[in-house]
Amino acid sequence: MSFKGNIVIAGHSSFSWALVEQLAPAIRGRLYFVLPDHDQATEASLEANVIAVHGQVTDTGVLDQLDLAHCSAFIASSREDEPNILAALYAKQHGAQHSFARVFNAEFMPLVSSLGVTPLQTSHTAAAFTALSLLKPAVSELVQLSSAGGRFVLEEIESADYPELVGCRLGNLHAEHLHIIAVAQGGDVHLGYATVVSSDAKLIVMYDRQITSRFPQEMRGVAAQAAQRLSESLRVEKLVS
């Protein structure tokens, strides 16, 4: 699937580089990558389908050169909240269709949302799902990475917070209102049915907003069912062998 329109990613972080990797092969417009260090910009210029720009996230002289009026998505993704928020607001005011800001401080998120900017999660894994929301608009209408909007919530959790999940297979981790759709471990994101959850994994969970208040209980229920299914599956495999 390809994405029509220009995208700007502004700021240096592992999150921004992961976004570039996800989006560069999938867009038919221009992908601008704004980086504060000259060597970083030079490195980025070697990437296919990437236009590297040397400059600070909040440098309006640089931002004004990026054709923001025809920008489908502007993503401020440096390691600092305030520059990200300011840059995202500037891009929105100058015509960017969708404006995003990477936000570390959860207290800022309601304010950022009220200003028409979408706050983003800060993890490396979240980059894949930010790209998903841009490349598949039908999904983004249902799923939001921020705290507001959409029928479903997409959230990243640590398997250590739910030890009952460790050893379970991804294909068994679902219920009526909750699905674990990906496992990030060993430096990769796994989507396969047979993926086994490790103790240091991160899990991407999609759940119906109506179960928010009982989310922990729902998670533990899913884990218990998955453990039972795994036990039954292993017993059958043993009998067959």
Protein backbone atom coordinates (compact mmCIF):
# COMPACT_ATOMS: atom_id res chain seq x y z
CA MET A 1 0.00 0.00 0.00
CA SER A 2 1.32 3.49 -0.82
CA PHE A 3 0.60 6.82 0.86
CA LYS A 4 -0.14 9.91 -1.23
CA GLY A 5 1.18 13.24 0.00
CA ASN A 6 4.25 14.65 1.72
CA ILE A 7 5.36 13.68 5.22
CA VAL A 8 7.72 15.61 7.49
CA ILE A 9 9.51 13.89 10.37
CA ALA A 10 11.34 16.41 12.55
CA GLY A 11 13.84 15.58 15.28
CA HIS A 12 16.48 13.00 16.11
CA SER A 13 15.54 9.91 18.14
CA SER A 14 15.33 6.16 17.68
CA PHE A 15 11.58 6.74 17.31
CA SER A 16 12.05 9.12 14.36
CA TRP A 17 14.50 6.78 12.62
CA ALA A 18 12.07 3.89 13.08
CA LEU A 19 9.31 6.02 11.55
CA VAL A 20 11.50 6.78 8.54
CA GLU A 21 12.18 3.07 8.06
CA GLN A 22 8.46 2.32 8.20
CA LEU A 23 7.26 5.15 5.95
CA ALA A 24 9.98 5.71 3.34
CA PRO A 25 9.14 2.63 1.24
CA ALA A 26 5.40 3.26 1.39
CA ILE A 27 4.79 6.85 0.28
CA ARG A 28 4.45 8.38 -3.17
CA GLY A 29 5.07 11.94 -2.03
CA ARG A 30 8.17 13.42 -0.42
CA LEU A 31 9.51 12.32 2.96
CA TYR A 32 11.44 15.13 4.64
CA PHE A 33 13.59 14.22 7.65
CA VAL A 34 14.73 17.24 9.68
CA LEU A 35 17.83 16.58 11.82
CA PRO A 36 19.79 18.95 14.08
CA ASP A 37 23.24 17.52 13.37
CA HIS A 38 24.97 17.78 9.99
CA ASP A 39 26.40 14.24 10.18
CA GLN A 40 22.97 12.84 11.05
CA ALA A 41 21.46 14.63 8.05
CA THR A 42 24.22 13.27 5.82
CA GLU A 43 23.51 9.73 7.05
CA ALA A 44 19.78 10.17 6.46
CA SER A 45 20.39 11.44 2.93
CA LEU A 46 21.76 8.00 2.04
CA GLU A 47 18.37 6.43 2.73
CA ALA A 48 16.20 5.73 -0.30
CA ASN A 49 13.21 8.07 -0.77
CA VAL A 50 14.33 10.40 2.05
CA ILE A 51 15.07 14.13 1.70
CA ALA A 52 17.34 14.99 4.63
CA VAL A 53 17.24 18.55 5.98
CA HIS A 54 19.76 19.98 8.44
CA GLY A 55 18.02 22.13 11.06
CA GLN A 56 16.38 22.38 14.46
CA VAL A 57 12.82 21.20 15.06
CA THR A 58 11.68 24.73 15.95
CA ASP A 59 13.62 26.62 13.27
CA THR A 60 10.81 28.34 11.36
CA GLY A 61 13.22 29.24 8.56
CA VAL A 62 13.74 25.53 7.96
CA LEU A 63 10.09 24.57 8.45
CA ASP A 64 8.94 27.22 5.97
CA GLN A 65 10.94 25.48 3.24
CA LEU A 66 9.05 22.19 3.65
CA ASP A 67 5.83 23.11 1.82
CA LEU A 68 3.70 22.64 4.93
CA ALA A 69 0.57 23.68 3.05
CA HIS A 70 0.83 20.42 1.09
CA CYS A 71 1.99 18.30 4.02
CA SER A 72 -0.26 15.32 4.73
CA ALA A 73 1.42 14.52 8.03
CA PHE A 74 3.91 16.43 10.21
CA ILE A 75 5.50 14.42 13.02
CA ALA A 76 7.67 16.19 15.60
CA SER A 77 9.60 13.37 17.22
CA SER A 78 12.67 14.71 19.01
CA ARG A 79 13.54 13.76 22.59
CA GLU A 80 12.02 16.93 24.08
CA ASP A 81 8.33 17.70 24.66
CA GLU A 82 8.28 21.48 24.26
CA PRO A 83 10.05 21.69 20.86
CA ASN A 84 7.86 18.87 19.59
CA ILE A 85 4.65 20.57 20.66
CA LEU A 86 5.69 23.97 19.33
CA ALA A 87 6.79 22.57 15.97
CA ALA A 88 3.63 20.50 15.59
CA LEU A 89 1.47 23.56 16.35
CA TYR A 90 3.42 25.66 13.85
CA ALA A 91 2.96 23.01 11.16
CA LYS A 92 -0.77 22.78 11.87
CA GLN A 93 -1.17 26.55 11.67
CA HIS A 94 0.66 26.59 8.32
CA GLY A 95 -1.50 23.99 6.63
CA ALA A 96 -0.33 20.51 7.63
CA GLN A 97 -3.31 18.19 7.31
CA HIS A 98 -2.36 16.05 10.32
CA SER A 99 0.05 17.17 13.03
CA PHE A 100 1.65 14.89 15.64
CA ALA A 101 3.93 15.53 18.62
CA ARG A 102 5.93 12.97 20.53
CA VAL A 103 5.10 13.65 24.20
CA PHE A 104 6.81 12.14 27.23
CA ASN A 105 4.91 13.97 29.97
CA ALA A 106 1.44 12.45 30.19
CA GLU A 107 0.13 15.65 31.83
CA PHE A 108 0.65 17.48 28.52
CA MET A 109 -1.45 15.07 26.46
CA PRO A 110 -4.95 16.53 27.11
CA LEU A 111 -3.68 20.05 26.34
CA VAL A 112 -1.91 18.91 23.17
CA SER A 113 -5.04 17.10 21.99
CA SER A 114 -7.22 20.14 22.70
CA LEU A 115 -4.98 22.19 20.38
CA GLY A 116 -5.63 19.84 17.47
CA VAL A 117 -2.29 18.03 17.66
CA THR A 118 -2.18 14.27 18.20
CA PRO A 119 0.21 13.21 20.99
CA LEU A 120 2.23 10.08 20.23
CA GLN A 121 3.58 7.32 22.39
CA THR A 122 7.29 7.45 22.93
CA SER A 123 8.47 3.89 22.38
CA HIS A 124 10.38 2.50 19.42
CA THR A 125 7.68 -0.11 18.86
CA ALA A 126 4.95 2.54 18.67
CA ALA A 127 6.56 3.84 15.46
CA ALA A 128 5.23 0.85 13.55
CA PHE A 129 1.70 1.61 14.68
CA THR A 130 2.02 5.32 14.01
CA ALA A 131 2.95 4.36 10.46
CA LEU A 132 -0.01 1.97 10.35
CA SER A 133 -2.44 4.74 11.30
CA LEU A 134 -1.08 6.92 8.48
CA LEU A 135 -0.89 4.24 5.80
CA LYS A 136 -4.30 2.73 6.58
CA PRO A 137 -6.76 5.55 7.31
CA ALA A 138 -9.65 3.14 7.84
CA VAL A 139 -7.74 1.71 10.79
CA SER A 140 -6.90 5.13 12.20
CA GLU A 141 -10.58 6.03 12.33
CA LEU A 142 -11.11 3.17 14.78
CA VAL A 143 -7.79 3.07 16.60
CA GLN A 144 -5.98 5.96 18.24
CA LEU A 145 -2.52 5.96 19.84
CA SER A 146 -3.53 8.89 22.00
CA SER A 147 -5.87 8.97 24.97
CA ALA A 148 -8.89 10.34 23.11
CA GLY A 149 -10.98 9.41 20.11
CA GLY A 150 -11.69 6.15 18.34
CA ARG A 151 -13.72 3.18 19.50
CA PHE A 152 -10.63 1.09 20.18
CA VAL A 153 -7.46 1.79 22.13
CA LEU A 154 -4.05 0.62 20.95
CA GLU A 155 -1.67 0.28 23.88
CA GLU A 156 1.79 -1.10 24.55
CA ILE A 157 2.32 -3.07 27.77
CA GLU A 158 5.18 -5.00 29.36
CA SER A 159 4.78 -8.76 29.69
CA ALA A 160 6.45 -8.44 33.10
CA ASP A 161 3.32 -6.61 34.28
CA TYR A 162 1.25 -9.70 33.42
CA PRO A 163 3.51 -12.71 34.11
CA GLU A 164 0.61 -15.03 33.32
CA LEU A 165 1.18 -14.18 29.64
CA VAL A 166 4.77 -15.46 29.56
CA GLY A 167 5.01 -18.70 27.61
CA CYS A 168 1.65 -18.21 25.89
CA ARG A 169 1.23 -18.16 22.12
CA LEU A 170 0.18 -14.95 20.44
CA GLY A 171 -2.60 -16.71 18.50
CA ASN A 172 -4.37 -17.56 21.75
CA LEU A 173 -4.26 -14.08 23.26
CA HIS A 174 -7.66 -12.72 22.36
CA ALA A 175 -11.16 -12.32 23.77
CA GLU A 176 -14.42 -10.67 22.74
CA HIS A 177 -13.26 -7.11 23.49
CA LEU A 178 -9.48 -7.49 23.63
CA HIS A 179 -6.80 -8.72 21.23
CA ILE A 180 -3.03 -8.81 21.63
CA ILE A 181 -1.98 -8.23 18.03
CA ALA A 182 1.83 -8.13 18.15
CA VAL A 183 4.79 -9.07 20.32
CA ALA A 184 8.01 -7.03 20.32
CA GLN A 185 11.00 -9.01 21.55
CA GLY A 186 14.55 -9.76 20.49
CA GLY A 187 14.70 -6.56 18.46
CA ASP A 188 11.80 -7.54 16.17
CA VAL A 189 8.01 -7.21 16.08
CA HIS A 190 6.29 -10.58 15.68
CA LEU A 191 2.77 -11.08 14.34
CA GLY A 192 2.72 -14.87 13.87
CA TYR A 193 0.22 -17.15 15.61
CA ALA A 194 2.90 -19.37 17.14
CA THR A 195 5.00 -16.54 18.63
CA VAL A 196 5.69 -17.34 22.28
CA VAL A 197 5.71 -14.42 24.72
CA SER A 198 9.00 -13.99 26.59
CA SER A 199 9.46 -12.43 30.03
CA ASP A 200 10.97 -9.23 28.57
CA ALA A 201 8.50 -8.78 25.69
CA LYS A 202 6.39 -5.75 24.90
CA LEU A 203 2.85 -6.48 23.77
CA ILE A 204 0.64 -4.39 21.51
CA VAL A 205 -2.93 -4.66 22.75
CA MET A 206 -6.06 -3.45 20.98
CA TYR A 207 -9.14 -3.30 23.17
CA ASP A 208 -12.63 -1.83 23.15
CA ARG A 209 -12.77 1.44 25.09
CA GLN A 210 -15.78 0.17 27.05
CA ILE A 211 -13.57 -2.24 29.05
CA THR A 212 -11.02 0.41 30.11
CA SER A 213 -12.00 0.28 33.78
CA ARG A 214 -11.57 -3.50 33.93
CA PHE A 215 -8.60 -3.81 31.59
CA PRO A 216 -6.28 -5.62 34.09
CA GLN A 217 -8.93 -8.23 34.84
CA GLU A 218 -9.59 -8.76 31.12
CA MET A 219 -5.86 -9.20 30.49
CA ARG A 220 -5.53 -11.81 33.21
CA GLY A 221 -8.60 -13.61 31.89
CA VAL A 222 -7.07 -13.75 28.41
CA ALA A 223 -3.81 -15.06 29.90
CA ALA A 224 -5.61 -17.81 31.80
CA GLN A 225 -7.49 -18.94 28.69
CA ALA A 226 -4.31 -18.87 26.61
CA ALA A 227 -2.42 -20.95 29.18
CA GLN A 228 -5.21 -23.53 29.14
CA ARG A 229 -5.25 -23.68 25.33
CA LEU A 230 -1.47 -24.08 25.24
CA SER A 231 -1.64 -26.92 27.75
CA GLU A 232 -4.30 -28.68 25.71
CA SER A 233 -2.34 -28.16 22.50
CA LEU A 234 0.86 -29.57 23.99
CA ARG A 235 -1.04 -32.58 25.33
CA VAL A 236 -2.47 -33.29 21.87
CA GLU A 237 0.96 -32.87 20.25
CA LYS A 238 2.43 -35.33 22.75
CA LEU A 239 -0.27 -37.91 22.02
CA VAL A 240 0.19 -37.54 18.26
CA SER A 241 3.97 -37.93 18.49
